[in-house]
């Protein structure tokens, strides 16, 4: 079994910063990629950023220059540093992992953490 647990969400003022963390645990063989998605009320879930086992990163256009994703392969963790936050960034943020458990590679999701940007 694999679990992803997020932490670090909360309320922040416009222009502020937050750091999200996600830890994967369980009988993990390999984590090929980890990332963050978000879903705002009434909208579809969208990619925020992802990072491969080799360190290659992908960012949604709206996050480039403001958000930074990083991972620690030894600890099976991924972090998302979010700067210059605006109310448009308000959403539930989900950690995602493309993980090999046994012989099977599957998508795994955290439970989500709320980020609210408001004055």
Protein backbone atom coordinates (compact mmCIF):
# COMPACT_ATOMS: atom_id res chain seq x y z
CA UNK A 1 0.00 0.00 0.00
CA UNK A 2 1.11 3.54 -0.78
CA UNK A 3 0.11 6.74 0.96
CA UNK A 4 0.76 10.37 0.11
CA UNK A 5 0.36 12.88 2.92
CA UNK A 6 0.40 16.62 2.30
CA UNK A 7 1.09 19.42 4.73
CA UNK A 8 1.63 23.16 4.67
CA UNK A 9 -1.61 24.62 3.37
CA UNK A 10 -3.39 27.51 5.00
CA UNK A 11 -4.43 31.12 4.69
CA UNK A 12 -2.04 33.68 3.26
CA UNK A 13 -2.37 37.28 2.12
CA UNK A 14 -1.96 38.27 -1.52
CA UNK A 15 1.71 38.55 -2.37
CA UNK A 16 2.67 36.12 0.35
CA UNK A 17 4.33 32.72 0.26
CA UNK A 18 3.54 29.19 1.32
CA UNK A 19 5.46 25.94 1.17
CA UNK A 20 3.65 22.65 0.64
CA UNK A 21 5.21 19.31 1.46
CA UNK A 22 4.22 15.79 0.56
CA UNK A 23 5.63 12.54 1.86
CA UNK A 24 5.09 9.16 0.24
CA UNK A 25 5.17 6.05 2.36
CA UNK A 26 4.53 2.34 2.01
CA UNK A 27 6.06 -0.50 0.06
CA UNK A 28 7.45 1.75 -2.65
CA UNK A 29 9.80 0.34 -5.24
CA UNK A 30 10.30 3.45 -7.37
CA UNK A 31 8.71 6.89 -7.60
CA UNK A 32 8.99 7.87 -11.24
CA UNK A 33 7.45 11.30 -10.86
CA UNK A 34 5.85 13.44 -8.22
CA UNK A 35 3.88 16.58 -8.59
CA UNK A 36 1.18 18.94 -7.46
CA UNK A 37 -2.25 19.55 -8.92
CA UNK A 38 -4.92 21.92 -7.76
CA UNK A 39 -8.66 22.24 -8.00
CA UNK A 40 -10.57 25.43 -7.41
CA UNK A 41 -14.34 25.42 -6.76
CA UNK A 42 -16.24 24.81 -9.97
CA UNK A 43 -13.09 24.10 -11.96
CA UNK A 44 -11.28 21.01 -13.16
CA UNK A 45 -8.19 19.71 -11.47
CA UNK A 46 -5.11 21.15 -13.16
CA UNK A 47 -1.39 20.53 -13.11
CA UNK A 48 0.65 22.94 -11.04
CA UNK A 49 4.10 21.40 -11.34
CA UNK A 50 5.78 18.02 -11.59
CA UNK A 51 9.27 16.61 -11.24
CA UNK A 52 10.69 13.33 -12.49
CA UNK A 53 13.04 10.96 -10.73
CA UNK A 54 15.84 12.54 -12.75
CA UNK A 55 14.92 16.03 -11.67
CA UNK A 56 13.23 17.30 -14.84
CA UNK A 57 10.50 19.78 -13.99
CA UNK A 58 7.30 20.91 -15.66
CA UNK A 59 5.29 23.96 -14.64
CA UNK A 60 1.93 25.27 -15.70
CA UNK A 61 2.40 28.62 -17.44
CA UNK A 62 0.64 30.55 -14.67
CA UNK A 63 3.10 29.21 -12.09
CA UNK A 64 6.37 29.76 -13.94
CA UNK A 65 8.62 32.13 -12.06
CA UNK A 66 6.47 32.04 -8.93
CA UNK A 67 6.43 28.37 -7.89
CA UNK A 68 9.35 26.00 -7.42
CA UNK A 69 9.05 22.24 -7.10
CA UNK A 70 11.73 20.10 -5.52
CA UNK A 71 12.03 16.51 -4.35
CA UNK A 72 14.18 14.37 -2.15
CA UNK A 73 14.43 10.92 -3.70
CA UNK A 74 15.98 9.42 -0.59
CA UNK A 75 13.10 10.60 1.59
CA UNK A 76 10.31 10.17 -0.98
CA UNK A 77 9.20 13.75 -0.51
CA UNK A 78 8.23 16.57 -2.80
CA UNK A 79 7.89 20.23 -1.89
CA UNK A 80 6.25 23.15 -3.60
CA UNK A 81 7.45 26.65 -2.78
CA UNK A 82 4.79 29.16 -3.77
CA UNK A 83 5.63 32.86 -3.95
CA UNK A 84 3.73 35.94 -5.06
CA UNK A 85 0.43 34.26 -4.34
CA UNK A 86 -2.79 35.79 -5.61
CA UNK A 87 -6.45 35.02 -4.91
CA UNK A 88 -6.48 33.07 -8.19
CA UNK A 89 -4.20 30.54 -6.50
CA UNK A 90 -6.90 29.64 -3.99
CA UNK A 91 -7.65 25.95 -4.38
CA UNK A 92 -7.23 22.53 -2.87
CA UNK A 93 -3.74 21.33 -3.73
CA UNK A 94 -3.18 17.62 -4.28
CA UNK A 95 0.07 15.73 -4.23
CA UNK A 96 0.48 13.16 -6.99
CA UNK A 97 2.91 10.33 -7.44
CA UNK A 98 3.56 7.92 -10.31
CA UNK A 99 4.75 5.05 -8.17
CA UNK A 100 5.78 1.45 -8.64
CA UNK A 101 4.38 -0.77 -5.92
CA UNK A 102 5.45 -4.33 -6.44
CA UNK A 103 5.24 -4.93 -10.19
CA UNK A 104 2.54 -2.34 -10.78
CA UNK A 105 2.98 1.33 -11.66
CA UNK A 106 0.03 3.48 -10.67
CA UNK A 107 -1.11 7.00 -9.95
CA UNK A 108 -1.46 7.86 -6.28
CA UNK A 109 -3.01 10.96 -4.75
CA UNK A 110 -2.91 12.69 -1.41
CA UNK A 111 -6.02 13.83 0.39
CA UNK A 112 -5.49 17.46 -0.54
CA UNK A 113 -4.59 20.57 1.40
CA UNK A 114 -6.47 23.86 1.22
CA UNK A 115 -4.64 27.00 0.15
CA UNK A 116 -6.57 30.23 0.55
CA UNK A 117 -5.17 33.55 -0.62
CA UNK A 118 -7.15 36.42 0.80
CA UNK A 119 -6.72 39.71 2.58
